[in-house]
Amino acid sequence: HRLSGGSMLAAGIGAAAAGAAGTWLGWRLAFAP
């Protein structure tokens, strides 16, 4: 949101990307084994 100058669309994309990246790393590093 801050980097895009206040775009809610960018905020939504950033939120989804951060959440997906976090759960993917959690799955690969901690839960999958």
Full PDB file with SEQRES, HELIX, SHEET, SSBOND, CRYST1, ORIGX, SCALE, CONECT and MASTER records, all heavy atoms in Angstrom:
SEQRES   1 A   33  HIS ARG LEU SER GLY GLY SER MET LEU ALA ALA GLY ILE          
SEQRES   2 A   33  GLY ALA ALA ALA ALA GLY ALA ALA GLY THR TRP LEU GLY          
SEQRES   3 A   33  TRP ARG LEU ALA PHE ALA PRO                                  
HELIX    1 AA1 MET A    8  GLY A   26  1                                  19    
HELIX    2 AA2 TRP A   27  PHE A   31  3                                   5    
CRYST1    1.000    1.000    1.000  90.00  90.00  90.00 P 1           1          
ORIGX1      1.000000  0.000000  0.000000        0.00000                         
ORIGX2      0.000000  1.000000  0.000000        0.00000                         
ORIGX3      0.000000  0.000000  1.000000        0.00000                         
SCALE1      1.000000  0.000000  0.000000        0.00000                         
SCALE2      0.000000  1.000000  0.000000        0.00000                         
SCALE3      0.000000  0.000000  1.000000        0.00000                         
ATOM      1  N   HIS A   1       0.835  -1.206   0.000  1.00  0.00           N  
ATOM      2  CA  HIS A   1       0.000   0.000   0.000  1.00  0.00           C  
ATOM      3  C   HIS A   1       0.865   1.249   0.000  1.00  0.00           C  
ATOM      4  O   HIS A   1       0.599   2.219  -0.728  1.00  0.00           O  
ATOM      5  CB  HIS A   1      -0.908  -0.034   1.229  1.00  0.00           C  
ATOM      6  CG  HIS A   1      -1.917   1.069   1.291  1.00  0.00           C  
ATOM      7  ND1 HIS A   1      -1.742   2.197   2.064  1.00  0.00           N  
ATOM      8  CD2 HIS A   1      -3.116   1.223   0.665  1.00  0.00           C  
ATOM      9  CE1 HIS A   1      -2.785   2.993   1.926  1.00  0.00           C  
ATOM     10  NE2 HIS A   1      -3.642   2.430   1.097  1.00  0.00           N  
ATOM     11  N   ARG A   2       1.925   1.258   0.794  1.00  0.00           N  
ATOM     12  CA  ARG A   2       2.794   2.423   0.868  1.00  0.00           C  
ATOM     13  C   ARG A   2       3.647   2.573  -0.383  1.00  0.00           C  
ATOM     14  O   ARG A   2       3.822   3.684  -0.902  1.00  0.00           O  
ATOM     15  CB  ARG A   2       3.677   2.337   2.115  1.00  0.00           C  
ATOM     16  CG  ARG A   2       2.892   2.518   3.414  1.00  0.00           C  
ATOM     17  CD  ARG A   2       3.776   2.368   4.642  1.00  0.00           C  
ATOM     18  NE  ARG A   2       3.044   2.693   5.868  1.00  0.00           N  
ATOM     19  CZ  ARG A   2       3.555   2.588   7.089  1.00  0.00           C  
ATOM     20  NH1 ARG A   2       4.817   2.174   7.253  1.00  0.00           N  
ATOM     21  NH2 ARG A   2       2.827   2.897   8.159  1.00  0.00           N  
ATOM     22  N   LEU A   3       4.184   1.468  -0.891  1.00  0.00           N  
ATOM     23  CA  LEU A   3       5.040   1.537  -2.079  1.00  0.00           C  
ATOM     24  C   LEU A   3       4.257   1.960  -3.322  1.00  0.00           C  
ATOM     25  O   LEU A   3       4.817   2.583  -4.233  1.00  0.00           O  
ATOM     26  CB  LEU A   3       5.703   0.182  -2.323  1.00  0.00           C  
ATOM     27  CG  LEU A   3       6.759  -0.251  -1.298  1.00  0.00           C  
ATOM     28  CD1 LEU A   3       7.270  -1.649  -1.625  1.00  0.00           C  
ATOM     29  CD2 LEU A   3       7.913   0.743  -1.258  1.00  0.00           C  
ATOM     30  N   SER A   4       2.983   1.619  -3.367  1.00  0.00           N  
ATOM     31  CA  SER A   4       2.153   1.940  -4.545  1.00  0.00           C  
ATOM     32  C   SER A   4       1.482   3.301  -4.440  1.00  0.00           C  
ATOM     33  O   SER A   4       0.723   3.685  -5.320  1.00  0.00           O  
ATOM     34  CB  SER A   4       1.091   0.862  -4.733  1.00  0.00           C  
ATOM     35  OG  SER A   4       0.185   0.858  -3.633  1.00  0.00           O  
ATOM     36  N   GLY A   5       1.720   4.006  -3.347  1.00  0.00           N  
ATOM     37  CA  GLY A   5       1.093   5.316  -3.191  1.00  0.00           C  
ATOM     38  C   GLY A   5      -0.346   5.258  -2.727  1.00  0.00           C  
ATOM     39  O   GLY A   5      -1.103   6.201  -2.953  1.00  0.00           O  
ATOM     40  N   GLY A   6      -0.749   4.157  -2.098  1.00  0.00           N  
ATOM     41  CA  GLY A   6      -2.091   4.072  -1.541  1.00  0.00           C  
ATOM     42  C   GLY A   6      -3.065   3.232  -2.333  1.00  0.00           C  
ATOM     43  O   GLY A   6      -4.280   3.355  -2.145  1.00  0.00           O  
ATOM     44  N   SER A   7      -2.564   2.350  -3.207  1.00  0.00           N  
ATOM     45  CA  SER A   7      -3.448   1.512  -4.013  1.00  0.00           C  
ATOM     46  C   SER A   7      -3.952   0.327  -3.201  1.00  0.00           C  
ATOM     47  O   SER A   7      -3.160  -0.464  -2.683  1.00  0.00           O  
ATOM     48  CB  SER A   7      -2.709   1.000  -5.253  1.00  0.00           C  
ATOM     49  OG  SER A   7      -3.456  -0.016  -5.899  1.00  0.00           O  
ATOM     50  N   MET A   8      -5.274   0.191  -3.105  1.00  0.00           N  
ATOM     51  CA  MET A   8      -5.857  -0.951  -2.407  1.00  0.00           C  
ATOM     52  C   MET A   8      -5.669  -2.244  -3.202  1.00  0.00           C  
ATOM     53  O   MET A   8      -5.543  -3.325  -2.620  1.00  0.00           O  
ATOM     54  CB  MET A   8      -7.341  -0.719  -2.146  1.00  0.00           C  
ATOM     55  CG  MET A   8      -7.614   0.112  -0.918  1.00  0.00           C  
ATOM     56  SD  MET A   8      -7.034  -0.723   0.571  1.00  0.00           S  
ATOM     57  CE  MET A   8      -7.044   0.647   1.718  1.00  0.00           C  
ATOM     58  N   LEU A   9      -5.640  -2.148  -4.526  1.00  0.00           N  
ATOM     59  CA  LEU A   9      -5.398  -3.338  -5.338  1.00  0.00           C  
ATOM     60  C   LEU A   9      -4.003  -3.880  -5.055  1.00  0.00           C  
ATOM     61  O   LEU A   9      -3.819  -5.092  -4.872  1.00  0.00           O  
ATOM     62  CB  LEU A   9      -5.548  -3.004  -6.819  1.00  0.00           C  
ATOM     63  CG  LEU A   9      -5.246  -4.144  -7.799  1.00  0.00           C  
ATOM     64  CD1 LEU A   9      -6.177  -5.327  -7.544  1.00  0.00           C  
ATOM     65  CD2 LEU A   9      -5.347  -3.660  -9.243  1.00  0.00           C  
ATOM     66  N   ALA A  10      -3.023  -2.983  -4.998  1.00  0.00           N  
ATOM     67  CA  ALA A  10      -1.662  -3.411  -4.676  1.00  0.00           C  
ATOM     68  C   ALA A  10      -1.599  -3.989  -3.267  1.00  0.00           C  
ATOM     69  O   ALA A  10      -0.895  -4.974  -3.018  1.00  0.00           O  
ATOM     70  CB  ALA A  10      -0.697  -2.233  -4.810  1.00  0.00           C  
ATOM     71  N   ALA A  11      -2.336  -3.384  -2.332  1.00  0.00           N  
ATOM     72  CA  ALA A  11      -2.357  -3.899  -0.965  1.00  0.00           C  
ATOM     73  C   ALA A  11      -2.916  -5.316  -0.931  1.00  0.00           C  
ATOM     74  O   ALA A  11      -2.401  -6.187  -0.226  1.00  0.00           O  
ATOM     75  CB  ALA A  11      -3.173  -2.975  -0.069  1.00  0.00           C  
ATOM     76  N   GLY A  12      -3.977  -5.556  -1.697  1.00  0.00           N  
ATOM     77  CA  GLY A  12      -4.557  -6.895  -1.744  1.00  0.00           C  
ATOM     78  C   GLY A  12      -3.602  -7.912  -2.337  1.00  0.00           C  
ATOM     79  O   GLY A  12      -3.471  -9.037  -1.833  1.00  0.00           O  
ATOM     80  N   ILE A  13      -2.905  -7.523  -3.407  1.00  0.00           N  
ATOM     81  CA  ILE A  13      -1.934  -8.434  -4.023  1.00  0.00           C  
ATOM     82  C   ILE A  13      -0.779  -8.713  -3.060  1.00  0.00           C  
ATOM     83  O   ILE A  13      -0.334  -9.852  -2.909  1.00  0.00           O  
ATOM     84  CB  ILE A  13      -1.416  -7.836  -5.347  1.00  0.00           C  
ATOM     85  CG1 ILE A  13      -2.557  -7.760  -6.371  1.00  0.00           C  
ATOM     86  CG2 ILE A  13      -0.260  -8.661  -5.899  1.00  0.00           C  
ATOM     87  CD1 ILE A  13      -2.201  -7.028  -7.643  1.00  0.00           C  
ATOM     88  N   GLY A  14      -0.304  -7.652  -2.405  1.00  0.00           N  
ATOM     89  CA  GLY A  14       0.778  -7.835  -1.439  1.00  0.00           C  
ATOM     90  C   GLY A  14       0.374  -8.726  -0.283  1.00  0.00           C  
ATOM     91  O   GLY A  14       1.160  -9.563   0.183  1.00  0.00           O  
ATOM     92  N   ALA A  15      -0.857  -8.555   0.200  1.00  0.00           N  
ATOM     93  CA  ALA A  15      -1.344  -9.381   1.305  1.00  0.00           C  
ATOM     94  C   ALA A  15      -1.429 -10.846   0.896  1.00  0.00           C  
ATOM     95  O   ALA A  15      -0.968 -11.738   1.626  1.00  0.00           O  
ATOM     96  CB  ALA A  15      -2.713  -8.881   1.753  1.00  0.00           C  
ATOM     97  N   ALA A  16      -2.024 -11.121  -0.267  1.00  0.00           N  
ATOM     98  CA  ALA A  16      -2.168 -12.502  -0.733  1.00  0.00           C  
ATOM     99  C   ALA A  16      -0.805 -13.136  -0.981  1.00  0.00           C  
ATOM    100  O   ALA A  16      -0.577 -14.304  -0.631  1.00  0.00           O  
ATOM    101  CB  ALA A  16      -3.017 -12.536  -2.001  1.00  0.00           C  
ATOM    102  N   ALA A  17       0.120 -12.367  -1.581  1.00  0.00           N  
ATOM    103  CA  ALA A  17       1.454 -12.905  -1.868  1.00  0.00           C  
ATOM    104  C   ALA A  17       2.206 -13.215  -0.579  1.00  0.00           C  
ATOM    105  O   ALA A  17       2.855 -14.267  -0.460  1.00  0.00           O  
ATOM    106  CB  ALA A  17       2.242 -11.907  -2.724  1.00  0.00           C  
ATOM    107  N   ALA A  18       2.130 -12.319   0.398  1.00  0.00           N  
ATOM    108  CA  ALA A  18       2.830 -12.545   1.668  1.00  0.00           C  
ATOM    109  C   ALA A  18       2.256 -13.748   2.401  1.00  0.00           C  
ATOM    110  O   ALA A  18       2.993 -14.597   2.925  1.00  0.00           O  
ATOM    111  CB  ALA A  18       2.745 -11.300   2.536  1.00  0.00           C  
ATOM    112  N   GLY A  19       0.923 -13.840   2.463  1.00  0.00           N  
ATOM    113  CA  GLY A  19       0.301 -14.975   3.139  1.00  0.00           C  
ATOM    114  C   GLY A  19       0.638 -16.291   2.471  1.00  0.00           C  
ATOM    115  O   GLY A  19       0.970 -17.278   3.144  1.00  0.00           O  
ATOM    116  N   ALA A  20       0.570 -16.331   1.126  1.00  0.00           N  
ATOM    117  CA  ALA A  20       0.866 -17.558   0.397  1.00  0.00           C  
ATOM    118  C   ALA A  20       2.333 -17.951   0.551  1.00  0.00           C  
ATOM    119  O   ALA A  20       2.654 -19.132   0.727  1.00  0.00           O  
ATOM    120  CB  ALA A  20       0.514 -17.389  -1.076  1.00  0.00           C  
ATOM    121  N   ALA A  21       3.235 -16.967   0.491  1.00  0.00           N  
ATOM    122  CA  ALA A  21       4.662 -17.266   0.658  1.00  0.00           C  
ATOM    123  C   ALA A  21       4.943 -17.814   2.050  1.00  0.00           C  
ATOM    124  O   ALA A  21       5.721 -18.766   2.219  1.00  0.00           O  
ATOM    125  CB  ALA A  21       5.494 -16.005   0.399  1.00  0.00           C  
ATOM    126  N   GLY A  22       4.297 -17.225   3.075  1.00  0.00           N  
ATOM    127  CA  GLY A  22       4.508 -17.690   4.441  1.00  0.00           C  
ATOM    128  C   GLY A  22       4.034 -19.113   4.657  1.00  0.00           C  
ATOM    129  O   GLY A  22       4.750 -19.941   5.245  1.00  0.00           O  
ATOM    130  N   THR A  23       2.832 -19.425   4.183  1.00  0.00           N  
ATOM    131  CA  THR A  23       2.317 -20.780   4.392  1.00  0.00           C  
ATOM    132  C   THR A  23       3.078 -21.798   3.547  1.00  0.00           C  
ATOM    133  O   THR A  23       3.277 -22.937   3.978  1.00  0.00           O  
ATOM    134  CB  THR A  23       0.815 -20.853   4.062  1.00  0.00           C  
ATOM    135  OG1 THR A  23       0.586 -20.314   2.755  1.00  0.00           O  
ATOM    136  CG2 THR A  23      -0.002 -20.089   5.078  1.00  0.00           C  
ATOM    137  N   TRP A  24       3.508 -21.401   2.357  1.00  0.00           N  
ATOM    138  CA  TRP A  24       4.282 -22.325   1.523  1.00  0.00           C  
ATOM    139  C   TRP A  24       5.601 -22.680   2.196  1.00  0.00           C  
ATOM    140  O   TRP A  24       5.991 -23.847   2.251  1.00  0.00           O  
ATOM    141  CB  TRP A  24       4.541 -21.719   0.150  1.00  0.00           C  
ATOM    142  CG  TRP A  24       5.274 -22.661  -0.775  1.00  0.00           C  
ATOM    143  CD1 TRP A  24       4.750 -23.675  -1.519  1.00  0.00           C  
ATOM    144  CD2 TRP A  24       6.696 -22.673  -1.031  1.00  0.00           C  
ATOM    145  NE1 TRP A  24       5.733 -24.329  -2.224  1.00  0.00           N  
ATOM    146  CE2 TRP A  24       6.935 -23.731  -1.941  1.00  0.00           C  
ATOM    147  CE3 TRP A  24       7.759 -21.903  -0.582  1.00  0.00           C  
ATOM    148  CZ2 TRP A  24       8.212 -24.025  -2.413  1.00  0.00           C  
ATOM    149  CZ3 TRP A  24       9.035 -22.199  -1.044  1.00  0.00           C  
ATOM    150  CH2 TRP A  24       9.251 -23.252  -1.954  1.00  0.00           C  
ATOM    151  N   LEU A  25       6.301 -21.670   2.737  1.00  0.00           N  
ATOM    152  CA  LEU A  25       7.557 -21.933   3.437  1.00  0.00           C  
ATOM    153  C   LEU A  25       7.312 -22.785   4.689  1.00  0.00           C  
ATOM    154  O   LEU A  25       8.085 -23.700   4.994  1.00  0.00           O  
ATOM    155  CB  LEU A  25       8.232 -20.618   3.825  1.00  0.00           C  
ATOM    156  CG  LEU A  25       8.912 -19.846   2.697  1.00  0.00           C  
ATOM    157  CD1 LEU A  25       9.387 -18.478   3.188  1.00  0.00           C  
ATOM    158  CD2 LEU A  25      10.085 -20.650   2.130  1.00  0.00           C  
ATOM    159  N   GLY A  26       6.232 -22.469   5.423  1.00  0.00           N  
ATOM    160  CA  GLY A  26       5.903 -23.269   6.591  1.00  0.00           C  
ATOM    161  C   GLY A  26       5.649 -24.722   6.223  1.00  0.00           C  
ATOM    162  O   GLY A  26       6.087 -25.647   6.917  1.00  0.00           O  
ATOM    163  N   TRP A  27       4.935 -24.930   5.134  1.00  0.00           N  
ATOM    164  CA  TRP A  27       4.648 -26.287   4.663  1.00  0.00           C  
ATOM    165  C   TRP A  27       5.918 -27.023   4.268  1.00  0.00           C  
ATOM    166  O   TRP A  27       6.174 -28.142   4.704  1.00  0.00           O  
ATOM    167  CB  TRP A  27       3.668 -26.227   3.507  1.00  0.00           C  
ATOM    168  CG  TRP A  27       3.680 -27.394   2.561  1.00  0.00           C  
ATOM    169  CD1 TRP A  27       4.047 -27.388   1.257  1.00  0.00           C  
ATOM    170  CD2 TRP A  27       3.285 -28.749   2.847  1.00  0.00           C  
ATOM    171  NE1 TRP A  27       3.920 -28.631   0.708  1.00  0.00           N  
ATOM    172  CE2 TRP A  27       3.450 -29.491   1.663  1.00  0.00           C  
ATOM    173  CE3 TRP A  27       2.821 -29.396   3.986  1.00  0.00           C  
ATOM    174  CZ2 TRP A  27       3.176 -30.840   1.577  1.00  0.00           C  
ATOM    175  CZ3 TRP A  27       2.535 -30.759   3.900  1.00  0.00           C  
ATOM    176  CH2 TRP A  27       2.709 -31.464   2.718  1.00  0.00           C  
ATOM    177  N   ARG A  28       6.757 -26.367   3.456  1.00  0.00           N  
ATOM    178  CA  ARG A  28       7.950 -27.035   2.951  1.00  0.00           C  
ATOM    179  C   ARG A  28       8.983 -27.310   4.043  1.00  0.00           C  
ATOM    180  O   ARG A  28       9.613 -28.367   4.058  1.00  0.00           O  
ATOM    181  CB  ARG A  28       8.595 -26.181   1.849  1.00  0.00           C  
ATOM    182  CG  ARG A  28       7.731 -25.998   0.615  1.00  0.00           C  
ATOM    183  CD  ARG A  28       7.508 -27.287  -0.121  1.00  0.00           C  
ATOM    184  NE  ARG A  28       8.739 -27.844  -0.633  1.00  0.00           N  
ATOM    185  CZ  ARG A  28       8.833 -29.027  -1.232  1.00  0.00           C  
ATOM    186  NH1 ARG A  28       7.752 -29.777  -1.364  1.00  0.00           N  
ATOM    187  NH2 ARG A  28       9.996 -29.474  -1.680  1.00  0.00           N  
ATOM    188  N   LEU A  29       9.168 -26.357   4.952  1.00  0.00           N  
ATOM    189  CA  LEU A  29      10.241 -26.472   5.931  1.00  0.00           C  
ATOM    190  C   LEU A  29       9.822 -27.183   7.219  1.00  0.00           C  
ATOM    191  O   LEU A  29      10.657 -27.817   7.868  1.00  0.00           O  
ATOM    192  CB  LEU A  29      10.776 -25.078   6.282  1.00  0.00           C  
ATOM    193  CG  LEU A  29      11.393 -24.280   5.125  1.00  0.00           C  
ATOM    194  CD1 LEU A  29      11.833 -22.907   5.606  1.00  0.00           C  
ATOM    195  CD2 LEU A  29      12.561 -25.035   4.496  1.00  0.00           C  
ATOM    196  N   ALA A  30       8.554 -27.067   7.601  1.00  0.00           N  
ATOM    197  CA  ALA A  30       8.136 -27.588   8.906  1.00  0.00           C  
ATOM    198  C   ALA A  30       7.105 -28.705   8.829  1.00  0.00           C  
ATOM    199  O   ALA A  30       7.241 -29.735   9.509  1.00  0.00           O  
ATOM    200  CB  ALA A  30       7.586 -26.440   9.759  1.00  0.00           C  
ATOM    201  N   PHE A  31       6.075 -28.533   8.018  1.00  0.00           N  
ATOM    202  CA  PHE A  31       4.961 -29.482   8.062  1.00  0.00           C  
ATOM    203  C   PHE A  31       5.150 -30.680   7.137  1.00  0.00           C  
ATOM    204  O   PHE A  31       4.765 -31.803   7.504  1.00  0.00           O  
ATOM    205  CB  PHE A  31       3.659 -28.763   7.717  1.00  0.00           C  
ATOM    206  CG  PHE A  31       3.304 -27.669   8.687  1.00  0.00           C  
ATOM    207  CD1 PHE A  31       3.216 -26.356   8.269  1.00  0.00           C  
ATOM    208  CD2 PHE A  31       3.092 -27.950  10.019  1.00  0.00           C  
ATOM    209  CE1 PHE A  31       2.905 -25.339   9.159  1.00  0.00           C  
ATOM    210  CE2 PHE A  31       2.778 -26.950  10.923  1.00  0.00           C  
ATOM    211  CZ  PHE A  31       2.689 -25.634  10.488  1.00  0.00           C  
ATOM    212  N   ALA A  32       5.706 -30.478   5.963  1.00  0.00           N  
ATOM    213  CA  ALA A  32       5.877 -31.594   5.021  1.00  0.00           C  
ATOM    214  C   ALA A  32       6.725 -32.721   5.596  1.00  0.00           C  
ATOM    215  O   ALA A  32       6.381 -33.905   5.424  1.00  0.00           O  
ATOM    216  CB  ALA A  32       6.471 -31.088   3.702  1.00  0.00           C  
ATOM    217  N   PRO A  33       7.839 -32.432   6.290  1.00  0.00           N  
ATOM    218  CA  PRO A  33       8.620 -33.542   6.851  1.00  0.00           C  
ATOM    219  C   PRO A  33       7.870 -34.343   7.919  1.00  0.00           C  
ATOM    220  O   PRO A  33       8.263 -35.470   8.229  1.00  0.00           O  
ATOM    221  CB  PRO A  33       9.840 -32.830   7.465  1.00  0.00           C  
ATOM    222  CG  PRO A  33       9.946 -31.539   6.730  1.00  0.00           C  
ATOM    223  CD  PRO A  33       8.530 -31.146   6.448  1.00  0.00           C  
TER     224      PRO A  33                                                      
MASTER        0    0    0    2    0    0    0    6  223    1    0    3          
END                                                                             
